[in-house]
Amino acid sequence: MKKVKYHYNKQTLRYERIKPSWAKSLLMGLSFLVTSALFGVGMATLGFYYFDSPKEKLLKYEIEKMQMEYGFVNQKLEQMTEVLEGLEYRDENIYRVVFEAEPIPASVREAGTGGSQRYKSLEGYENSDLMMNTSVLVDKLRKKMYVQSKSYDEVAELIKNKEQMLASIPAIMPVANKDLTRVASGYGMRIHPVYKTYKMHTGMDFTAPIGTDIYSTGNGVVVEADFSKGGYGNHVVVDHGFGYQTLYGHMSKINVKKGQKILRGEVLGVVGNTGTSTGPHLHYEVIKNGVKINPVNYYFNDLSPEEFERMLEISSNHNQSFD
């Protein structure tokens, strides 16, 4: 109810009602409106900063839940990274070693994922660091998994080739030699039977009667099967692939032809005394990537550890060779 004011008129000796002017009434009204507006703005500001609306409360709850979920995701990513690192270790130190594969460089396994610009769209938010860290972990894990997957594809291919390689590389003695008595001369510096000087003997000599079977020591293809007037005489060279070749010299008879595919244990010919030879024997060589190496290390299918030790002792004697 509007408050009514009066004043005492001394002339009329009466109380008369005070009627404010229209200007004063307007000023009072404007003052009230301004005061009310300022009060309303103040209360709204106070509510905005210190009190949440139902919608804001819901959004804050969802943000807290999102932060928690991001934390769980990061934990799982770290666990997956540890598992993947274990797979990488076994890949580098077991699988690729067994199958003689080159290791994958660390620069490839740890390659970047596109630089900081890749995550530009995640900047400017309250939780930008959390989102960016998670995105970086995901991208690194994805890249490492891709590299590891390619590595396993390579290892799987090597497994297929390994079976063929194990059947192809030299692995048996070229003549029957169960008691190891047929080893006449080993690989290394030996006295030449003709010149009587020390000369590099690039293979092993096996003494045997003329006509004794000579076996291919691994699967392969015959690349030479002919006679040379000096040196090896009647001889055969077998290409086993994987960088390996074997040579069989001084045969009395050759049973195979150039280009013929053969299997380990197949008879190539028989022992003889052709070429530069001082007695019936087989001269046998193992060649790896063009270099003649010691054949004694390539009888593992025939020899027990004890027999191998004995073979090493016999072949290391610095006696005279037969060719």
C-alpha atoms as a PDB file:
ATOM      1  CA  MET A   1       0.000   0.000   0.000  1.00  0.00           C
ATOM      2  CA  LYS A   2       1.377   3.381  -1.038  1.00  0.00           C
ATOM      3  CA  LYS A   3       2.358   5.505   1.949  1.00  0.00           C
ATOM      4  CA  VAL A   4       0.471   8.875   2.097  1.00  0.00           C
ATOM      5  CA  LYS A   5       2.241  11.887   3.580  1.00  0.00           C
ATOM      6  CA  TYR A   6       0.618  15.049   5.165  1.00  0.00           C
ATOM      7  CA  HIS A   7       1.832  18.455   6.377  1.00  0.00           C
ATOM      8  CA  TYR A   8       0.185  21.024   8.779  1.00  0.00           C
ATOM      9  CA  ASN A   9      -0.978  24.281   7.185  1.00  0.00           C
ATOM     10  CA  LYS A  10      -0.661  27.039   9.789  1.00  0.00           C
ATOM     11  CA  GLN A  11      -2.857  29.346   7.809  1.00  0.00           C
ATOM     12  CA  THR A  12      -5.766  26.993   7.507  1.00  0.00           C
ATOM     13  CA  LEU A  13      -4.952  25.207  10.725  1.00  0.00           C
ATOM     14  CA  ARG A  14      -5.468  21.900   8.909  1.00  0.00           C
ATOM     15  CA  TYR A  15      -3.422  18.842   7.796  1.00  0.00           C
ATOM     16  CA  GLU A  16      -3.191  18.768   4.084  1.00  0.00           C
ATOM     17  CA  ARG A  17      -2.129  15.866   1.889  1.00  0.00           C
ATOM     18  CA  ILE A  18       1.240  16.261   0.145  1.00  0.00           C
ATOM     19  CA  LYS A  19       1.012  15.547  -3.552  1.00  0.00           C
ATOM     20  CA  PRO A  20       4.498  15.000  -5.184  1.00  0.00           C
ATOM     21  CA  SER A  21       5.147  16.617  -8.545  1.00  0.00           C
ATOM     22  CA  TRP A  22       5.143  14.503 -11.658  1.00  0.00           C
ATOM     23  CA  ALA A  23       8.927  15.063 -12.088  1.00  0.00           C
ATOM     24  CA  LYS A  24       9.661  13.840  -8.611  1.00  0.00           C
ATOM     25  CA  SER A  25       7.376  10.837  -9.121  1.00  0.00           C
ATOM     26  CA  LEU A  26       9.187  10.004 -12.323  1.00  0.00           C
ATOM     27  CA  LEU A  27      12.559  10.285 -10.629  1.00  0.00           C
ATOM     28  CA  MET A  28      11.440   8.053  -7.793  1.00  0.00           C
ATOM     29  CA  GLY A  29      10.137   5.483 -10.268  1.00  0.00           C
ATOM     30  CA  LEU A  30      13.364   5.497 -12.227  1.00  0.00           C
ATOM     31  CA  SER A  31      15.374   5.136  -9.035  1.00  0.00           C
ATOM     32  CA  PHE A  32      13.321   2.118  -8.060  1.00  0.00           C
ATOM     33  CA  LEU A  33      13.765   0.509 -11.458  1.00  0.00           C
ATOM     34  CA  VAL A  34      17.535   1.080 -11.484  1.00  0.00           C
ATOM     35  CA  THR A  35      17.875  -0.242  -7.968  1.00  0.00           C
ATOM     36  CA  SER A  36      15.817  -3.310  -8.845  1.00  0.00           C
ATOM     37  CA  ALA A  37      17.845  -3.913 -11.985  1.00  0.00           C
ATOM     38  CA  LEU A  38      21.155  -3.625 -10.138  1.00  0.00           C
ATOM     39  CA  PHE A  39      19.880  -5.962  -7.468  1.00  0.00           C
ATOM     40  CA  GLY A  40      18.745  -8.451 -10.091  1.00  0.00           C
ATOM     41  CA  VAL A  41      22.066  -8.350 -11.921  1.00  0.00           C
ATOM     42  CA  GLY A  42      23.927  -8.807  -8.651  1.00  0.00           C
ATOM     43  CA  MET A  43      21.825 -11.804  -7.687  1.00  0.00           C
ATOM     44  CA  ALA A  44      22.175 -13.315 -11.161  1.00  0.00           C
ATOM     45  CA  THR A  45      25.930 -12.851 -11.074  1.00  0.00           C
ATOM     46  CA  LEU A  46      26.124 -14.395  -7.632  1.00  0.00           C
ATOM     47  CA  GLY A  47      24.028 -17.335  -8.794  1.00  0.00           C
ATOM     48  CA  PHE A  48      26.071 -17.773 -11.958  1.00  0.00           C
ATOM     49  CA  TYR A  49      29.378 -18.022 -10.122  1.00  0.00           C
ATOM     50  CA  TYR A  50      28.376 -19.824  -6.976  1.00  0.00           C
ATOM     51  CA  PHE A  51      25.290 -21.852  -7.797  1.00  0.00           C
ATOM     52  CA  ASP A  52      24.882 -24.445 -10.620  1.00  0.00           C
ATOM     53  CA  SER A  53      21.776 -24.905 -12.643  1.00  0.00           C
ATOM     54  CA  PRO A  54      20.451 -28.460 -13.073  1.00  0.00           C
ATOM     55  CA  LYS A  55      21.857 -28.498 -16.598  1.00  0.00           C
ATOM     56  CA  GLU A  56      25.293 -27.350 -15.399  1.00  0.00           C
ATOM     57  CA  LYS A  57      25.263 -29.979 -12.665  1.00  0.00           C
ATOM     58  CA  LEU A  58      24.527 -32.640 -15.289  1.00  0.00           C
ATOM     59  CA  LEU A  59      27.330 -31.385 -17.552  1.00  0.00           C
ATOM     60  CA  LYS A  60      29.832 -31.354 -14.676  1.00  0.00           C
ATOM     61  CA  TYR A  61      28.848 -34.899 -13.791  1.00  0.00           C
ATOM     62  CA  GLU A  62      29.374 -35.977 -17.386  1.00  0.00           C
ATOM     63  CA  ILE A  63      32.803 -34.265 -17.479  1.00  0.00           C
ATOM     64  CA  GLU A  64      33.887 -36.033 -14.283  1.00  0.00           C
ATOM     65  CA  LYS A  65      32.695 -39.326 -15.723  1.00  0.00           C
ATOM     66  CA  MET A  66      34.589 -38.634 -18.964  1.00  0.00           C
ATOM     67  CA  GLN A  67      37.788 -37.870 -17.028  1.00  0.00           C
ATOM     68  CA  MET A  68      37.418 -41.149 -15.159  1.00  0.00           C
ATOM     69  CA  GLU A  69      36.830 -43.068 -18.391  1.00  0.00           C
ATOM     70  CA  TYR A  70      39.894 -41.435 -19.976  1.00  0.00           C
ATOM     71  CA  GLY A  71      41.913 -42.562 -16.970  1.00  0.00           C
ATOM     72  CA  PHE A  72      40.728 -46.167 -17.416  1.00  0.00           C
ATOM     73  CA  VAL A  73      41.482 -46.015 -21.148  1.00  0.00           C
ATOM     74  CA  ASN A  74      45.013 -44.739 -20.478  1.00  0.00           C
ATOM     75  CA  GLN A  75      45.618 -47.569 -17.997  1.00  0.00           C
ATOM     76  CA  LYS A  76      44.472 -50.144 -20.554  1.00  0.00           C
ATOM     77  CA  LEU A  77      46.653 -48.539 -23.237  1.00  0.00           C
ATOM     78  CA  GLU A  78      49.677 -48.721 -20.960  1.00  0.00           C
ATOM     79  CA  GLN A  79      48.946 -52.396 -20.232  1.00  0.00           C
ATOM     80  CA  MET A  80      48.607 -53.114 -23.962  1.00  0.00           C
ATOM     81  CA  THR A  81      51.885 -51.274 -24.589  1.00  0.00           C
ATOM     82  CA  GLU A  82      53.652 -53.485 -22.027  1.00  0.00           C
ATOM     83  CA  VAL A  83      52.270 -56.623 -23.689  1.00  0.00           C
ATOM     84  CA  LEU A  84      53.343 -55.353 -27.114  1.00  0.00           C
ATOM     85  CA  GLU A  85      56.831 -54.565 -25.819  1.00  0.00           C
ATOM     86  CA  GLY A  86      57.067 -58.195 -24.660  1.00  0.00           C
ATOM     87  CA  LEU A  87      56.090 -59.374 -28.139  1.00  0.00           C
ATOM     88  CA  GLU A  88      58.683 -57.042 -29.673  1.00  0.00           C
ATOM     89  CA  TYR A  89      61.386 -58.421 -27.359  1.00  0.00           C
ATOM     90  CA  ARG A  90      60.619 -62.035 -28.276  1.00  0.00           C
ATOM     91  CA  ASP A  91      60.432 -61.073 -31.942  1.00  0.00           C
ATOM     92  CA  GLU A  92      63.883 -59.423 -31.906  1.00  0.00           C
ATOM     93  CA  ASN A  93      65.686 -61.850 -29.581  1.00  0.00           C
ATOM     94  CA  ILE A  94      64.100 -65.191 -30.454  1.00  0.00           C
ATOM     95  CA  TYR A  95      62.117 -65.398 -33.686  1.00  0.00           C
ATOM     96  CA  ARG A  96      64.298 -63.160 -35.862  1.00  0.00           C
ATOM     97  CA  VAL A  97      67.468 -64.710 -34.412  1.00  0.00           C
ATOM     98  CA  VAL A  98      66.300 -68.280 -35.039  1.00  0.00           C
ATOM     99  CA  PHE A  99      65.320 -67.496 -38.613  1.00  0.00           C
ATOM    100  CA  GLU A 100      68.402 -65.343 -39.282  1.00  0.00           C
ATOM    101  CA  ALA A 101      66.391 -62.221 -40.047  1.00  0.00           C
ATOM    102  CA  GLU A 102      67.740 -58.703 -39.708  1.00  0.00           C
ATOM    103  CA  PRO A 103      66.453 -56.866 -36.587  1.00  0.00           C
ATOM    104  CA  ILE A 104      63.938 -54.075 -37.078  1.00  0.00           C
ATOM    105  CA  PRO A 105      65.655 -50.733 -36.332  1.00  0.00           C
ATOM    106  CA  ALA A 106      64.446 -48.862 -33.260  1.00  0.00           C
ATOM    107  CA  SER A 107      63.873 -45.828 -35.496  1.00  0.00           C
ATOM    108  CA  VAL A 108      61.198 -47.825 -37.336  1.00  0.00           C
ATOM    109  CA  ARG A 109      59.536 -49.265 -34.230  1.00  0.00           C
ATOM    110  CA  GLU A 110      59.520 -45.867 -32.471  1.00  0.00           C
ATOM    111  CA  ALA A 111      58.665 -43.737 -35.513  1.00  0.00           C
ATOM    112  CA  GLY A 112      56.601 -40.585 -34.962  1.00  0.00           C
ATOM    113  CA  THR A 113      52.894 -40.288 -35.669  1.00  0.00           C
ATOM    114  CA  GLY A 114      52.608 -36.984 -37.519  1.00  0.00           C
ATOM    115  CA  GLY A 115      53.857 -34.237 -35.188  1.00  0.00           C
ATOM    116  CA  SER A 116      52.073 -31.817 -32.856  1.00  0.00           C
ATOM    117  CA  GLN A 117      49.867 -30.382 -35.624  1.00  0.00           C
ATOM    118  CA  ARG A 118      48.043 -33.709 -35.697  1.00  0.00           C
ATOM    119  CA  TYR A 119      46.435 -32.847 -32.337  1.00  0.00           C
ATOM    120  CA  LYS A 120      45.790 -29.150 -32.997  1.00  0.00           C
ATOM    121  CA  SER A 121      42.025 -29.664 -32.906  1.00  0.00           C
ATOM    122  CA  LEU A 122      42.226 -30.862 -29.287  1.00  0.00           C
ATOM    123  CA  GLU A 123      43.809 -27.654 -27.988  1.00  0.00           C
ATOM    124  CA  GLY A 124      41.931 -24.936 -26.091  1.00  0.00           C
ATOM    125  CA  TYR A 125      39.800 -27.160 -23.858  1.00  0.00           C
ATOM    126  CA  GLU A 126      39.898 -27.587 -20.099  1.00  0.00           C
ATOM    127  CA  ASN A 127      40.906 -31.238 -20.569  1.00  0.00           C
ATOM    128  CA  SER A 128      43.103 -30.766 -23.670  1.00  0.00           C
ATOM    129  CA  ASP A 129      46.178 -32.383 -22.060  1.00  0.00           C
ATOM    130  CA  LEU A 130      44.207 -35.471 -21.078  1.00  0.00           C
ATOM    131  CA  MET A 131      42.686 -35.886 -24.544  1.00  0.00           C
ATOM    132  CA  MET A 132      45.994 -35.237 -26.329  1.00  0.00           C
ATOM    133  CA  ASN A 133      47.932 -37.699 -24.149  1.00  0.00           C
ATOM    134  CA  THR A 134      45.351 -40.390 -24.828  1.00  0.00           C
ATOM    135  CA  SER A 135      45.412 -39.697 -28.568  1.00  0.00           C
ATOM    136  CA  VAL A 136      49.227 -39.891 -28.594  1.00  0.00           C
ATOM    137  CA  LEU A 137      49.154 -43.245 -26.772  1.00  0.00           C
ATOM    138  CA  VAL A 138      46.565 -44.637 -29.187  1.00  0.00           C
ATOM    139  CA  ASP A 139      48.531 -43.509 -32.257  1.00  0.00           C
ATOM    140  CA  LYS A 140      51.837 -44.896 -30.937  1.00  0.00           C
ATOM    141  CA  LEU A 141      50.236 -48.209 -30.063  1.00  0.00           C
ATOM    142  CA  ARG A 142      48.565 -48.408 -33.473  1.00  0.00           C
ATOM    143  CA  LYS A 143      51.877 -47.721 -35.251  1.00  0.00           C
ATOM    144  CA  LYS A 144      53.807 -50.266 -33.152  1.00  0.00           C
ATOM    145  CA  MET A 145      51.116 -52.894 -33.748  1.00  0.00           C
ATOM    146  CA  TYR A 146      51.325 -52.276 -37.495  1.00  0.00           C
ATOM    147  CA  VAL A 147      55.122 -52.693 -37.477  1.00  0.00           C
ATOM    148  CA  GLN A 148      54.861 -55.841 -35.346  1.00  0.00           C
ATOM    149  CA  SER A 149      52.191 -57.283 -37.621  1.00  0.00           C
ATOM    150  CA  LYS A 150      54.458 -56.760 -40.649  1.00  0.00           C
ATOM    151  CA  SER A 151      57.317 -58.379 -38.738  1.00  0.00           C
ATOM    152  CA  TYR A 152      55.214 -61.465 -38.008  1.00  0.00           C
ATOM    153  CA  ASP A 153      54.260 -61.660 -41.694  1.00  0.00           C
ATOM    154  CA  GLU A 154      57.978 -61.705 -42.510  1.00  0.00           C
ATOM    155  CA  VAL A 155      58.711 -64.331 -39.841  1.00  0.00           C
ATOM    156  CA  ALA A 156      55.840 -66.495 -41.133  1.00  0.00           C
ATOM    157  CA  GLU A 157      57.395 -66.366 -44.603  1.00  0.00           C
ATOM    158  CA  LEU A 158      60.783 -67.234 -43.112  1.00  0.00           C
ATOM    159  CA  ILE A 159      59.224 -70.247 -41.381  1.00  0.00           C
ATOM    160  CA  LYS A 160      58.053 -71.532 -44.749  1.00  0.00           C
ATOM    161  CA  ASN A 161      61.514 -70.987 -46.225  1.00  0.00           C
ATOM    162  CA  LYS A 162      63.259 -72.463 -43.160  1.00  0.00           C
ATOM    163  CA  GLU A 163      61.905 -75.939 -43.887  1.00  0.00           C
ATOM    164  CA  GLN A 164      63.220 -75.695 -47.423  1.00  0.00           C
ATOM    165  CA  MET A 165      66.538 -74.294 -46.183  1.00  0.00           C
ATOM    166  CA  LEU A 166      67.022 -77.089 -43.641  1.00  0.00           C
ATOM    167  CA  ALA A 167      66.476 -79.635 -46.408  1.00  0.00           C
ATOM    168  CA  SER A 168      68.860 -77.824 -48.767  1.00  0.00           C
ATOM    169  CA  ILE A 169      71.953 -76.794 -46.833  1.00  0.00           C
ATOM    170  CA  PRO A 170      74.757 -79.410 -46.510  1.00  0.00           C
ATOM    171  CA  ALA A 171      74.086 -81.567 -43.453  1.00  0.00           C
ATOM    172  CA  ILE A 172      75.524 -85.079 -44.012  1.00  0.00           C
ATOM    173  CA  MET A 173      78.857 -86.607 -45.005  1.00  0.00           C
ATOM    174  CA  PRO A 174      79.237 -87.233 -48.745  1.00  0.00           C
ATOM    175  CA  VAL A 175      80.322 -90.883 -48.286  1.00  0.00           C
ATOM    176  CA  ALA A 176      79.352 -93.571 -45.800  1.00  0.00           C
ATOM    177  CA  ASN A 177      81.677 -93.058 -42.838  1.00  0.00           C
ATOM    178  CA  LYS A 178      80.098 -94.470 -39.726  1.00  0.00           C
ATOM    179  CA  ASP A 179      83.374 -95.227 -37.964  1.00  0.00           C
ATOM    180  CA  LEU A 180      84.997 -91.942 -39.133  1.00  0.00           C
ATOM    181  CA  THR A 181      88.022 -93.853 -40.523  1.00  0.00           C
ATOM    182  CA  ARG A 182      87.668 -92.450 -44.038  1.00  0.00           C
ATOM    183  CA  VAL A 183      88.678 -88.880 -43.180  1.00  0.00           C
ATOM    184  CA  ALA A 184      92.138 -88.559 -44.732  1.00  0.00           C
ATOM    185  CA  SER A 185      92.748 -84.809 -44.659  1.00  0.00           C
ATOM    186  CA  GLY A 186      90.894 -81.785 -43.344  1.00  0.00           C
ATOM    187  CA  TYR A 187      90.431 -78.142 -44.248  1.00  0.00           C
ATOM    188  CA  GLY A 188      93.394 -75.783 -43.803  1.00  0.00           C
ATOM    189  CA  MET A 189      97.104 -75.547 -44.579  1.00  0.00           C
ATOM    190  CA  ARG A 190      98.354 -78.995 -45.632  1.00  0.00           C
ATOM    191  CA  ILE A 191     101.376 -80.498 -47.397  1.00  0.00           C
ATOM    192  CA  HIS A 192     100.600 -80.765 -51.101  1.00  0.00           C
ATOM    193  CA  PRO A 193     101.116 -84.393 -52.286  1.00  0.00           C
ATOM    194  CA  VAL A 194     102.838 -83.314 -55.521  1.00  0.00           C
ATOM    195  CA  TYR A 195     104.711 -80.106 -54.673  1.00  0.00           C
ATOM    196  CA  LYS A 196     105.514 -81.121 -51.051  1.00  0.00           C
ATOM    197  CA  THR A 197     104.895 -77.552 -49.839  1.00  0.00           C
ATOM    198  CA  TYR A 198     102.303 -76.123 -47.483  1.00  0.00           C
ATOM    199  CA  LYS A 199      99.245 -75.067 -49.444  1.00  0.00           C
ATOM    200  CA  MET A 200      95.700 -74.167 -48.519  1.00  0.00           C
ATOM    201  CA  HIS A 201      93.486 -77.248 -48.716  1.00  0.00           C
ATOM    202  CA  THR A 202      89.988 -75.877 -49.306  1.00  0.00           C
ATOM    203  CA  GLY A 203      88.000 -79.014 -48.529  1.00  0.00           C
ATOM    204  CA  MET A 204      88.119 -82.448 -46.894  1.00  0.00           C
ATOM    205  CA  ASP A 205      89.456 -85.712 -48.352  1.00  0.00           C
ATOM    206  CA  PHE A 206      87.632 -88.985 -47.766  1.00  0.00           C
ATOM    207  CA  THR A 207      89.497 -92.176 -48.701  1.00  0.00           C
ATOM    208  CA  ALA A 208      87.317 -94.959 -50.111  1.00  0.00           C
ATOM    209  CA  PRO A 209      87.617 -97.730 -52.688  1.00  0.00           C
ATOM    210  CA  ILE A 210      86.932 -96.814 -56.306  1.00  0.00           C
ATOM    211  CA  GLY A 211      83.226 -97.254 -56.994  1.00  0.00           C
ATOM    212  CA  THR A 212      82.054 -96.128 -53.515  1.00  0.00           C
ATOM    213  CA  ASP A 213      78.842 -94.111 -53.758  1.00  0.00           C
ATOM    214  CA  ILE A 214      79.031 -90.322 -53.314  1.00  0.00           C
ATOM    215  CA  TYR A 215      75.911 -88.652 -51.915  1.00  0.00           C
ATOM    216  CA  SER A 216      74.548 -85.138 -52.293  1.00  0.00           C
ATOM    217  CA  THR A 217      74.668 -83.536 -48.862  1.00  0.00           C
ATOM    218  CA  GLY A 218      71.521 -81.445 -49.439  1.00  0.00           C
ATOM    219  CA  ASN A 219      68.701 -80.741 -51.878  1.00  0.00           C
ATOM    220  CA  GLY A 220      69.708 -78.640 -54.866  1.00  0.00           C
ATOM    221  CA  VAL A 221      70.410 -78.334 -58.562  1.00  0.00           C
ATOM    222  CA  VAL A 222      73.507 -79.624 -60.401  1.00  0.00           C
ATOM    223  CA  VAL A 223      75.337 -76.617 -61.894  1.00  0.00           C
ATOM    224  CA  GLU A 224      78.522 -78.470 -62.996  1.00  0.00           C
ATOM    225  CA  ALA A 225      79.013 -82.112 -63.983  1.00  0.00           C
ATOM    226  CA  ASP A 226      82.108 -82.468 -66.151  1.00  0.00           C
ATOM    227  CA  PHE A 227      85.820 -83.293 -66.332  1.00  0.00           C
ATOM    228  CA  SER A 228      88.764 -80.966 -65.842  1.00  0.00           C
ATOM    229  CA  LYS A 229      92.179 -82.148 -67.054  1.00  0.00           C
ATOM    230  CA  GLY A 230      93.872 -80.912 -63.894  1.00  0.00           C
ATOM    231  CA  GLY A 231      92.619 -80.255 -60.429  1.00  0.00           C
ATOM    232  CA  TYR A 232      89.304 -81.905 -59.586  1.00  0.00           C
ATOM    233  CA  GLY A 233      89.086 -84.323 -62.556  1.00  0.00           C
ATOM    234  CA  ASN A 234      85.556 -85.653 -62.854  1.00  0.00           C
ATOM    235  CA  HIS A 235      83.589 -83.428 -60.512  1.00  0.00           C
ATOM    236  CA  VAL A 236      80.096 -82.219 -59.669  1.00  0.00           C
ATOM    237  CA  VAL A 237      78.978 -78.884 -58.187  1.00  0.00           C
ATOM    238  CA  VAL A 238      75.537 -78.648 -56.578  1.00  0.00           C
ATOM    239  CA  ASP A 239      73.810 -75.323 -55.887  1.00  0.00           C
ATOM    240  CA  HIS A 240      71.664 -75.693 -52.765  1.00  0.00           C
ATOM    241  CA  GLY A 241      70.329 -72.141 -52.712  1.00  0.00           C
ATOM    242  CA  PHE A 242      70.522 -69.863 -49.660  1.00  0.00           C
ATOM    243  CA  GLY A 243      74.118 -69.048 -50.666  1.00  0.00           C
ATOM    244  CA  TYR A 244      75.386 -72.664 -50.406  1.00  0.00           C
ATOM    245  CA  GLN A 245      77.188 -74.825 -52.976  1.00  0.00           C
ATOM    246  CA  THR A 246      79.073 -78.116 -52.608  1.00  0.00           C
ATOM    247  CA  LEU A 247      81.799 -79.619 -54.796  1.00  0.00           C
ATOM    248  CA  TYR A 248      82.650 -83.320 -55.209  1.00  0.00           C
ATOM    249  CA  GLY A 249      85.964 -84.071 -56.970  1.00  0.00           C
ATOM    250  CA  HIS A 250      88.082 -86.906 -58.439  1.00  0.00           C
ATOM    251  CA  MET A 251      85.098 -89.127 -59.324  1.00  0.00           C
ATOM    252  CA  SER A 252      85.550 -92.166 -61.531  1.00  0.00           C
ATOM    253  CA  LYS A 253      81.961 -91.845 -62.769  1.00  0.00           C
ATOM    254  CA  ILE A 254      79.327 -89.096 -62.756  1.00  0.00           C
ATOM    255  CA  ASN A 255      75.673 -90.161 -62.450  1.00  0.00           C
ATOM    256  CA  VAL A 256      73.957 -86.762 -62.849  1.00  0.00           C
ATOM    257  CA  LYS A 257      73.642 -84.044 -65.493  1.00  0.00           C
ATOM    258  CA  LYS A 258      73.844 -80.272 -65.363  1.00  0.00           C
ATOM    259  CA  GLY A 259      70.458 -78.727 -64.497  1.00  0.00           C
ATOM    260  CA  GLN A 260      69.203 -81.881 -62.770  1.00  0.00           C
ATOM    261  CA  LYS A 261      67.320 -81.434 -59.475  1.00  0.00           C
ATOM    262  CA  ILE A 262      68.489 -83.734 -56.714  1.00  0.00           C
ATOM    263  CA  LEU A 263      67.627 -84.557 -53.112  1.00  0.00           C
ATOM    264  CA  ARG A 264      69.838 -85.022 -50.086  1.00  0.00           C
ATOM    265  CA  GLY A 265      71.259 -88.552 -50.067  1.00  0.00           C
ATOM    266  CA  GLU A 266      70.902 -89.035 -53.832  1.00  0.00           C
ATOM    267  CA  VAL A 267      73.956 -90.632 -55.498  1.00  0.00           C
ATOM    268  CA  LEU A 268      75.894 -88.149 -57.626  1.00  0.00           C
ATOM    269  CA  GLY A 269      78.610 -90.549 -58.762  1.00  0.00           C
ATOM    270  CA  VAL A 270      81.287 -92.818 -57.359  1.00  0.00           C
ATOM    271  CA  VAL A 271      84.754 -92.396 -55.852  1.00  0.00           C
ATOM    272  CA  GLY A 272      87.668 -92.334 -58.253  1.00  0.00           C
ATOM    273  CA  ASN A 273      91.227 -91.109 -58.779  1.00  0.00           C
ATOM    274  CA  THR A 274      90.858 -88.580 -61.617  1.00  0.00           C
ATOM    275  CA  GLY A 275      92.510 -85.167 -61.911  1.00  0.00           C
ATOM    276  CA  THR A 276      95.343 -84.173 -59.566  1.00  0.00           C
ATOM    277  CA  SER A 277      95.013 -87.054 -57.134  1.00  0.00           C
ATOM    278  CA  THR A 278      97.532 -89.445 -55.560  1.00  0.00           C
ATOM    279  CA  GLY A 279      95.035 -92.148 -54.638  1.00  0.00           C
ATOM    280  CA  PRO A 280      91.332 -93.074 -54.697  1.00  0.00           C
ATOM    281  CA  HIS A 281      89.431 -90.537 -52.628  1.00  0.00           C
ATOM    282  CA  LEU A 282      86.711 -87.889 -52.670  1.00  0.00           C
ATOM    283  CA  HIS A 283      87.637 -84.231 -52.335  1.00  0.00           C
ATOM    284  CA  TYR A 284      84.622 -82.426 -50.828  1.00  0.00           C
ATOM    285  CA  GLU A 285      84.081 -78.660 -50.465  1.00  0.00           C
ATOM    286  CA  VAL A 286      81.390 -76.440 -48.954  1.00  0.00           C
ATOM    287  CA  ILE A 287      81.081 -72.958 -50.465  1.00  0.00           C
ATOM    288  CA  LYS A 288      79.049 -70.193 -48.739  1.00  0.00           C
ATOM    289  CA  ASN A 289      78.418 -66.979 -50.660  1.00  0.00           C
ATOM    290  CA  GLY A 290      81.370 -67.706 -52.933  1.00  0.00           C
ATOM    291  CA  VAL A 291      83.824 -68.462 -50.084  1.00  0.00           C
ATOM    292  CA  LYS A 292      85.143 -71.967 -49.435  1.00  0.00           C
ATOM    293  CA  ILE A 293      84.614 -72.808 -45.774  1.00  0.00           C
ATOM    294  CA  ASN A 294      85.383 -75.744 -43.474  1.00  0.00           C
ATOM    295  CA  PRO A 295      82.995 -78.644 -44.279  1.00  0.00           C
ATOM    296  CA  VAL A 296      83.475 -80.177 -40.824  1.00  0.00           C
ATOM    297  CA  ASN A 297      80.725 -77.904 -39.463  1.00  0.00           C
ATOM    298  CA  TYR A 298      78.140 -79.324 -41.892  1.00  0.00           C
ATOM    299  CA  TYR A 299      77.738 -82.946 -40.779  1.00  0.00           C
ATOM    300  CA  PHE A 300      75.245 -82.287 -38.004  1.00  0.00           C
ATOM    301  CA  ASN A 301      72.654 -84.771 -39.341  1.00  0.00           C
ATOM    302  CA  ASP A 302      75.193 -87.597 -39.156  1.00  0.00           C
ATOM    303  CA  LEU A 303      77.229 -86.990 -36.025  1.00  0.00           C
ATOM    304  CA  SER A 304      76.551 -87.077 -32.300  1.00  0.00           C
ATOM    305  CA  PRO A 305      78.332 -84.451 -30.161  1.00  0.00           C
ATOM    306  CA  GLU A 306      80.992 -87.041 -29.247  1.00  0.00           C
ATOM    307  CA  GLU A 307      81.523 -88.028 -32.897  1.00  0.00           C
ATOM    308  CA  PHE A 308      81.726 -84.373 -33.881  1.00  0.00           C
ATOM    309  CA  GLU A 309      84.519 -83.804 -31.349  1.00  0.00           C
ATOM    310  CA  ARG A 310      86.372 -86.792 -32.767  1.00  0.00           C
ATOM    311  CA  MET A 311      85.823 -85.549 -36.332  1.00  0.00           C
ATOM    312  CA  LEU A 312      87.272 -82.153 -35.363  1.00  0.00           C
ATOM    313  CA  GLU A 313      90.350 -83.845 -33.930  1.00  0.00           C
ATOM    314  CA  ILE A 314      90.878 -86.042 -36.993  1.00  0.00           C
ATOM    315  CA  SER A 315      90.358 -83.267 -39.523  1.00  0.00           C
ATOM    316  CA  SER A 316      92.694 -80.868 -37.733  1.00  0.00           C
ATOM    317  CA  ASN A 317      95.769 -83.103 -38.182  1.00  0.00           C
ATOM    318  CA  HIS A 318      98.321 -81.301 -40.356  1.00  0.00           C
ATOM    319  CA  ASN A 319      99.007 -84.281 -42.565  1.00  0.00           C
ATOM    320  CA  GLN A 320      99.467 -84.506 -46.324  1.00  0.00           C
ATOM    321  CA  SER A 321      96.387 -84.051 -48.479  1.00  0.00           C
ATOM    322  CA  PHE A 322      95.509 -86.356 -51.407  1.00  0.00           C
ATOM    323  CA  ASP A 323      95.179 -83.508 -53.949  1.00  0.00           C
END
